[in-house]
Amino acid sequence: MRIIWEKIPFKNAVYLTLGINLLVLVFILFANRNLPPEIPLFYGNAVGEAQLALTGWFFVAPGTSLLVLILNTILSSIIKDSFLKKMLILSALFVSILVAITVFKIVFLVGLH
């Protein structure tokens, strides 16, 4: 495990990404009691009930972001190209930021008034 960690560039970005994901998870846990039973999560679907999901599905977004971080970190320890390693780590950070923005916007849209 230590050998894998030594090959990863931008370790601070990995820590930041992990922190953002954990912050989003904690935010969802605390905001969960103020949310309605269904939230508009699937914006790509037609307007109406097709966009709604149960509140439990809200944890899928940061979970997916954590999965992207884990996979990109593992891939960056395997790949030899330095540029590609950096792009994998930075893309995981970018995904986490977008997930955080999406979660905060949905919660402030429907839950916290």
Protein backbone atom coordinates (compact mmCIF):
# COMPACT_ATOMS: atom_id res chain seq x y z
CA MET A 1 0.00 0.00 0.00
CA ARG A 2 2.82 2.36 0.83
CA ILE A 3 4.49 1.68 -2.51
CA ILE A 4 1.28 2.62 -4.31
CA TRP A 5 0.96 5.84 -2.31
CA GLU A 6 4.52 6.92 -3.14
CA LYS A 7 3.79 6.78 -6.90
CA ILE A 8 0.81 9.14 -6.73
CA PRO A 9 1.28 12.82 -7.68
CA PHE A 10 -0.61 15.67 -6.03
CA LYS A 11 -1.15 13.94 -2.70
CA ASN A 12 -2.65 17.13 -1.29
CA ALA A 13 -5.28 17.06 -4.04
CA VAL A 14 -6.16 13.50 -3.01
CA TYR A 15 -6.58 14.65 0.59
CA LEU A 16 -8.66 17.63 -0.53
CA THR A 17 -10.87 15.40 -2.68
CA LEU A 18 -11.39 12.98 0.18
CA GLY A 19 -12.20 15.90 2.50
CA ILE A 20 -14.74 17.35 0.07
CA ASN A 21 -16.47 13.99 -0.26
CA LEU A 22 -16.60 13.46 3.49
CA LEU A 23 -17.90 17.00 3.99
CA VAL A 24 -20.66 16.37 1.44
CA LEU A 25 -21.60 13.10 3.15
CA VAL A 26 -21.80 14.79 6.55
CA PHE A 27 -23.80 17.66 5.04
CA ILE A 28 -26.29 15.19 3.56
CA LEU A 29 -26.62 13.41 6.90
CA PHE A 30 -27.42 16.65 8.71
CA ALA A 31 -29.67 18.04 5.98
CA ASN A 32 -31.53 14.76 5.59
CA ARG A 33 -34.09 15.58 8.32
CA ASN A 34 -35.05 18.82 6.53
CA LEU A 35 -35.45 17.22 3.11
CA PRO A 36 -38.74 16.00 1.66
CA PRO A 37 -39.13 12.25 1.05
CA GLU A 38 -38.35 12.76 -2.65
CA ILE A 39 -35.77 15.08 -4.18
CA PRO A 40 -35.16 16.19 -7.79
CA LEU A 41 -32.03 14.17 -8.52
CA PHE A 42 -32.39 13.07 -12.14
CA TYR A 43 -32.36 16.36 -14.06
CA GLY A 44 -31.78 14.60 -17.39
CA ASN A 45 -35.24 13.04 -17.28
CA ALA A 46 -38.47 14.66 -18.37
CA VAL A 47 -39.91 17.31 -16.07
CA GLY A 48 -42.10 15.88 -13.35
CA GLU A 49 -42.01 12.69 -11.34
CA ALA A 50 -39.31 11.17 -13.55
CA GLN A 51 -36.80 13.56 -11.99
CA LEU A 52 -37.64 12.58 -8.42
CA ALA A 53 -35.75 10.04 -6.35
CA LEU A 54 -36.03 8.91 -2.76
CA THR A 55 -33.81 10.84 -0.36
CA GLY A 56 -31.63 7.75 0.18
CA TRP A 57 -30.44 8.03 -3.42
CA PHE A 58 -28.78 11.30 -2.46
CA PHE A 59 -25.83 9.33 -1.06
CA VAL A 60 -25.07 7.89 -4.50
CA ALA A 61 -23.48 11.14 -5.72
CA PRO A 62 -20.70 11.41 -3.11
CA GLY A 63 -20.33 7.62 -3.16
CA THR A 64 -19.68 7.70 -6.88
CA SER A 65 -17.25 10.55 -6.40
CA LEU A 66 -15.36 8.50 -3.81
CA LEU A 67 -15.32 5.57 -6.22
CA VAL A 68 -13.86 7.80 -8.94
CA LEU A 69 -11.18 8.96 -6.49
CA ILE A 70 -10.26 5.40 -5.52
CA LEU A 71 -10.14 4.14 -9.11
CA ASN A 72 -8.17 7.14 -10.38
CA THR A 73 -5.71 6.85 -7.50
CA ILE A 74 -5.13 3.17 -8.22
CA LEU A 75 -4.77 3.86 -11.94
CA SER A 76 -2.33 6.70 -11.32
CA SER A 77 -0.13 4.37 -9.30
CA ILE A 78 -0.05 1.87 -12.18
CA ILE A 79 0.39 4.23 -15.14
CA LYS A 80 3.89 5.40 -16.04
CA ASP A 81 3.03 8.67 -17.83
CA SER A 82 3.42 11.59 -15.42
CA PHE A 83 0.93 13.85 -17.24
CA LEU A 84 -1.78 11.19 -17.24
CA LYS A 85 -1.21 10.51 -13.53
CA LYS A 86 -1.74 14.18 -12.74
CA MET A 87 -4.85 14.38 -14.93
CA LEU A 88 -6.41 11.37 -13.19
CA ILE A 89 -5.94 12.93 -9.76
CA LEU A 90 -7.14 16.36 -10.89
CA SER A 91 -10.18 14.88 -12.63
CA ALA A 92 -11.17 13.17 -9.38
CA LEU A 93 -10.91 16.55 -7.64
CA PHE A 94 -13.02 18.15 -10.39
CA VAL A 95 -15.70 15.45 -10.07
CA SER A 96 -15.82 15.96 -6.29
CA ILE A 97 -16.24 19.71 -6.67
CA LEU A 98 -19.07 19.25 -9.17
CA VAL A 99 -20.79 16.71 -6.91
CA ALA A 100 -20.49 19.09 -3.95
CA ILE A 101 -21.99 21.95 -5.95
CA THR A 102 -24.84 19.73 -7.14
CA VAL A 103 -25.63 18.43 -3.66
CA PHE A 104 -25.56 21.89 -2.08
CA LYS A 105 -27.78 23.34 -4.83
CA ILE A 106 -30.35 20.55 -4.48
CA VAL A 107 -30.45 20.82 -0.70
CA PHE A 108 -30.86 24.59 -0.76
CA LEU A 109 -33.46 24.28 -3.53
CA VAL A 110 -35.79 21.87 -1.74
CA GLY A 111 -34.74 21.50 1.86
CA LEU A 112 -33.24 24.35 3.78
CA HIS A 113 -35.47 27.42 3.89
